[in-house]
Amino acid sequence: MFDVAVFGSLFLTLFVIMDPPGITPIFLALTSGRASKVQRRMAWQAVAVAFGVITVFGILGQQILDYLHVSVPALMIAGGLLLLLIALDLLTGKTDEPKQTKDVNVALVPLGMPLLAGPGAIVSVILAVQHADGVGEQVSVWAAIVAMHVVLWLTMRYSLVIIRVIKDGGVVLVTRLAGMMLSAIAVQQIINGVTQVIQGA
């Protein structure tokens, strides 16, 4: 039957890794200037992309990594480098993209991946699925994944009210803060990946 311990353990792990409160300023910075309808759609798109990536890796993760001969540390370093590039754009104010693609790009990268569906979340899900014995534990694992993505969507969806309060000046401040936070996350992720490579050598 449904295993509350398995559900709670994976949900808390994903909550810490995906960090819904921490993603809020980054989401606000990346979606500022868009119409409210577009921002709501981007919140949905980002969560849908993250859920899709997590689902694919949950089902086929280890096989995909083995087939491509990609190690988990390499995945972490690559994700960290991508986040660092995004963070530098936020810090320097270079966040504009071609009009026809910017809404989709921001929702997919970096919001959907690698911010939400990053290496940490992917690895946690792969391990949780592998260690789940029986139908009850598998159901618990996937229920935790679904519940986490619902929380992420609610957090981003209702954080849009903040933009109406802080106005343009506040958005600029939030953008710089998000860039600083994102750069720290990226550097830490790269360090963790390099450390694992050294330890495995």
Protein backbone atom coordinates (compact mmCIF):
# COMPACT_ATOMS: atom_id res chain seq x y z
CA MET A 1 0.00 0.00 0.00
CA PHE A 2 0.93 3.69 0.05
CA ASP A 3 4.17 4.22 2.01
CA VAL A 4 4.05 7.54 3.87
CA ALA A 5 7.71 7.32 4.90
CA VAL A 6 8.91 6.93 1.31
CA PHE A 7 6.61 9.75 0.16
CA GLY A 8 7.74 12.09 2.94
CA SER A 9 11.42 11.34 2.49
CA LEU A 10 11.47 11.99 -1.27
CA PHE A 11 9.15 15.01 -1.02
CA LEU A 12 11.38 16.68 1.58
CA THR A 13 14.51 15.83 -0.42
CA LEU A 14 13.05 17.35 -3.58
CA PHE A 15 11.75 20.38 -1.65
CA VAL A 16 15.25 21.13 -0.35
CA ILE A 17 16.87 20.58 -3.76
CA MET A 18 14.27 22.38 -5.91
CA ASP A 19 13.75 25.06 -3.24
CA PRO A 20 10.39 26.68 -4.20
CA PRO A 21 10.96 29.81 -2.02
CA GLY A 22 14.44 30.25 -3.49
CA ILE A 23 13.20 29.90 -7.07
CA THR A 24 10.71 32.75 -6.59
CA PRO A 25 13.09 35.72 -7.10
CA ILE A 26 14.70 33.99 -10.08
CA PHE A 27 11.29 33.35 -11.64
CA LEU A 28 10.24 36.96 -11.03
CA ALA A 29 13.46 38.27 -12.57
CA LEU A 30 13.21 36.09 -15.67
CA THR A 31 9.52 36.82 -16.29
CA SER A 32 9.47 40.54 -15.49
CA GLY A 33 8.05 42.75 -18.23
CA ARG A 34 5.75 40.07 -19.61
CA ALA A 35 1.96 40.27 -19.50
CA SER A 36 0.34 38.52 -16.53
CA LYS A 37 -1.20 35.92 -18.82
CA VAL A 38 2.21 35.14 -20.33
CA GLN A 39 3.83 34.91 -16.88
CA ARG A 40 1.18 32.44 -15.71
CA ARG A 41 1.70 30.38 -18.85
CA MET A 42 5.46 30.39 -18.29
CA ALA A 43 5.00 29.12 -14.73
CA TRP A 44 2.94 26.24 -16.09
CA GLN A 45 5.41 25.56 -18.92
CA ALA A 46 8.40 25.52 -16.58
CA VAL A 47 6.76 23.04 -14.22
CA ALA A 48 5.56 20.88 -17.14
CA VAL A 49 9.08 20.76 -18.60
CA ALA A 50 10.60 19.92 -15.21
CA PHE A 51 8.03 17.18 -14.61
CA GLY A 52 8.62 15.75 -18.08
CA VAL A 53 12.40 15.65 -17.60
CA ILE A 54 12.10 14.17 -14.09
CA THR A 55 9.65 11.53 -15.37
CA VAL A 56 11.90 10.48 -18.25
CA PHE A 57 14.94 10.20 -15.99
CA GLY A 58 12.90 8.45 -13.30
CA ILE A 59 11.90 5.76 -15.79
CA LEU A 60 15.01 5.57 -18.00
CA GLY A 61 17.59 7.67 -16.16
CA GLN A 62 20.31 5.14 -15.48
CA GLN A 63 19.99 3.62 -18.94
CA ILE A 64 20.26 7.07 -20.57
CA LEU A 65 23.39 7.97 -18.60
CA ASP A 66 24.97 4.58 -19.28
CA TYR A 67 24.16 4.72 -23.00
CA LEU A 68 25.68 8.20 -23.37
CA HIS A 69 28.61 7.28 -21.08
CA VAL A 70 27.80 10.33 -18.94
CA SER A 71 28.60 10.25 -15.23
CA VAL A 72 26.54 12.01 -12.57
CA PRO A 73 29.44 14.41 -11.72
CA ALA A 74 29.69 15.38 -15.40
CA LEU A 75 25.95 16.09 -15.41
CA MET A 76 26.38 18.27 -12.32
CA ILE A 77 29.28 20.24 -13.81
CA ALA A 78 27.43 20.81 -17.11
CA GLY A 79 24.32 22.00 -15.27
CA GLY A 80 26.44 24.29 -13.10
CA LEU A 81 28.13 25.88 -16.12
CA LEU A 82 24.75 26.50 -17.78
CA LEU A 83 23.39 28.11 -14.60
CA LEU A 84 26.53 30.26 -14.30
CA LEU A 85 26.01 31.66 -17.80
CA ILE A 86 22.39 32.52 -16.97
CA ALA A 87 23.48 34.10 -13.67
CA LEU A 88 26.04 36.33 -15.42
CA ASP A 89 23.32 37.56 -17.78
CA LEU A 90 21.08 38.41 -14.83
CA LEU A 91 23.90 40.22 -13.01
CA THR A 92 24.86 42.29 -16.05
CA GLY A 93 21.29 42.94 -17.17
CA LYS A 94 21.70 41.07 -20.46
CA THR A 95 18.47 39.08 -20.21
CA ASP A 96 16.87 40.04 -23.51
CA GLU A 97 16.38 37.40 -26.18
CA PRO A 98 14.80 37.51 -29.66
CA LYS A 99 11.14 38.35 -29.18
CA GLN A 100 9.82 35.31 -31.00
CA THR A 101 11.68 32.87 -28.74
CA LYS A 102 12.26 34.54 -25.40
CA ASP A 103 9.06 33.39 -23.67
CA VAL A 104 9.60 29.76 -24.62
CA ASN A 105 13.34 29.83 -23.90
CA VAL A 106 12.97 31.25 -20.40
CA ALA A 107 10.26 28.74 -19.51
CA LEU A 108 12.31 25.82 -20.80
CA VAL A 109 15.83 27.04 -19.96
CA PRO A 110 16.74 27.86 -17.27
CA LEU A 111 13.41 27.60 -15.40
CA GLY A 112 12.33 24.11 -16.46
CA MET A 113 15.86 22.79 -16.69
CA PRO A 114 18.35 22.96 -15.03
CA LEU A 115 16.82 25.10 -12.24
CA LEU A 116 13.85 22.88 -11.39
CA ALA A 117 14.91 19.63 -13.04
CA GLY A 118 18.57 19.93 -12.15
CA PRO A 119 21.17 17.21 -11.60
CA GLY A 120 20.38 16.96 -7.87
CA ALA A 121 16.67 16.37 -8.43
CA ILE A 122 17.33 13.97 -11.32
CA VAL A 123 19.77 11.84 -9.32
CA SER A 124 17.45 11.78 -6.29
CA VAL A 125 14.55 10.56 -8.42
CA ILE A 126 16.67 7.92 -10.19
CA LEU A 127 17.82 6.53 -6.83
CA ALA A 128 14.32 6.68 -5.30
CA VAL A 129 12.80 4.76 -8.23
CA GLN A 130 15.60 2.17 -8.15
CA HIS A 131 15.23 1.59 -4.40
CA ALA A 132 11.42 1.43 -4.38
CA ASP A 133 10.29 -2.17 -3.82
CA GLY A 134 6.78 -3.13 -4.77
CA VAL A 135 3.82 -1.22 -6.16
CA GLY A 136 3.14 0.67 -2.91
CA GLU A 137 6.58 2.26 -2.75
CA GLN A 138 6.57 3.05 -6.47
CA VAL A 139 3.21 4.80 -6.09
CA SER A 140 4.59 6.73 -3.10
CA VAL A 141 7.65 7.84 -5.08
CA TRP A 142 5.63 9.12 -8.02
CA ALA A 143 3.05 10.76 -5.71
CA ALA A 144 5.91 12.69 -4.07
CA ILE A 145 7.19 13.80 -7.48
CA VAL A 146 3.72 15.00 -8.56
CA ALA A 147 3.10 16.76 -5.21
CA MET A 148 6.44 18.58 -5.45
CA HIS A 149 5.65 19.91 -8.90
CA VAL A 150 2.22 21.09 -7.76
CA VAL A 151 3.95 23.04 -4.95
CA LEU A 152 6.40 24.54 -7.47
CA TRP A 153 3.57 25.65 -9.76
CA LEU A 154 1.60 27.21 -6.90
CA THR A 155 4.71 29.03 -5.64
CA MET A 156 5.53 30.56 -9.03
CA ARG A 157 1.91 31.17 -10.00
CA TYR A 158 1.11 33.23 -6.90
CA SER A 159 4.51 34.92 -6.62
CA LEU A 160 3.45 37.08 -9.57
CA VAL A 161 1.51 39.26 -7.12
CA ILE A 162 4.90 40.42 -5.80
CA ILE A 163 5.75 42.06 -9.15
CA ARG A 164 2.70 44.30 -8.88
CA VAL A 165 3.89 45.45 -5.46
CA ILE A 166 7.62 46.02 -6.05
CA LYS A 167 7.26 47.77 -9.47
CA ASP A 168 10.15 48.27 -11.94
CA GLY A 169 12.77 49.39 -9.42
CA GLY A 170 12.13 46.37 -7.27
CA VAL A 171 12.30 44.07 -10.28
CA VAL A 172 15.82 45.34 -11.09
CA LEU A 173 16.87 44.67 -7.49
CA VAL A 174 15.30 41.20 -7.57
CA THR A 175 17.06 40.48 -10.87
CA ARG A 176 20.48 41.29 -9.39
CA LEU A 177 19.68 39.29 -6.25
CA ALA A 178 18.57 36.35 -8.37
CA GLY A 179 21.78 36.55 -10.39
CA MET A 180 23.87 36.47 -7.24
CA MET A 181 21.92 33.53 -5.79
CA LEU A 182 22.04 31.65 -9.08
CA SER A 183 25.79 32.17 -9.47
CA ALA A 184 26.35 30.79 -5.96
CA ILE A 185 24.18 27.75 -6.75
CA ALA A 186 26.06 27.22 -10.02
CA VAL A 187 29.52 27.46 -8.44
CA GLN A 188 28.53 25.09 -5.64
CA GLN A 189 27.16 22.62 -8.17
CA ILE A 190 30.40 22.75 -10.18
CA ILE A 191 32.47 22.29 -7.01
CA ASN A 192 30.37 19.27 -6.00
CA GLY A 193 30.79 17.74 -9.45
CA VAL A 194 34.57 18.30 -9.51
CA THR A 195 34.88 16.92 -5.98
CA GLN A 196 33.05 13.75 -6.98
CA VAL A 197 35.28 13.35 -10.03
CA ILE A 198 38.40 13.67 -7.85
CA GLN A 199 37.04 11.25 -5.25
CA GLY A 200 36.17 8.74 -7.95
CA ALA A 201 39.59 8.95 -9.60
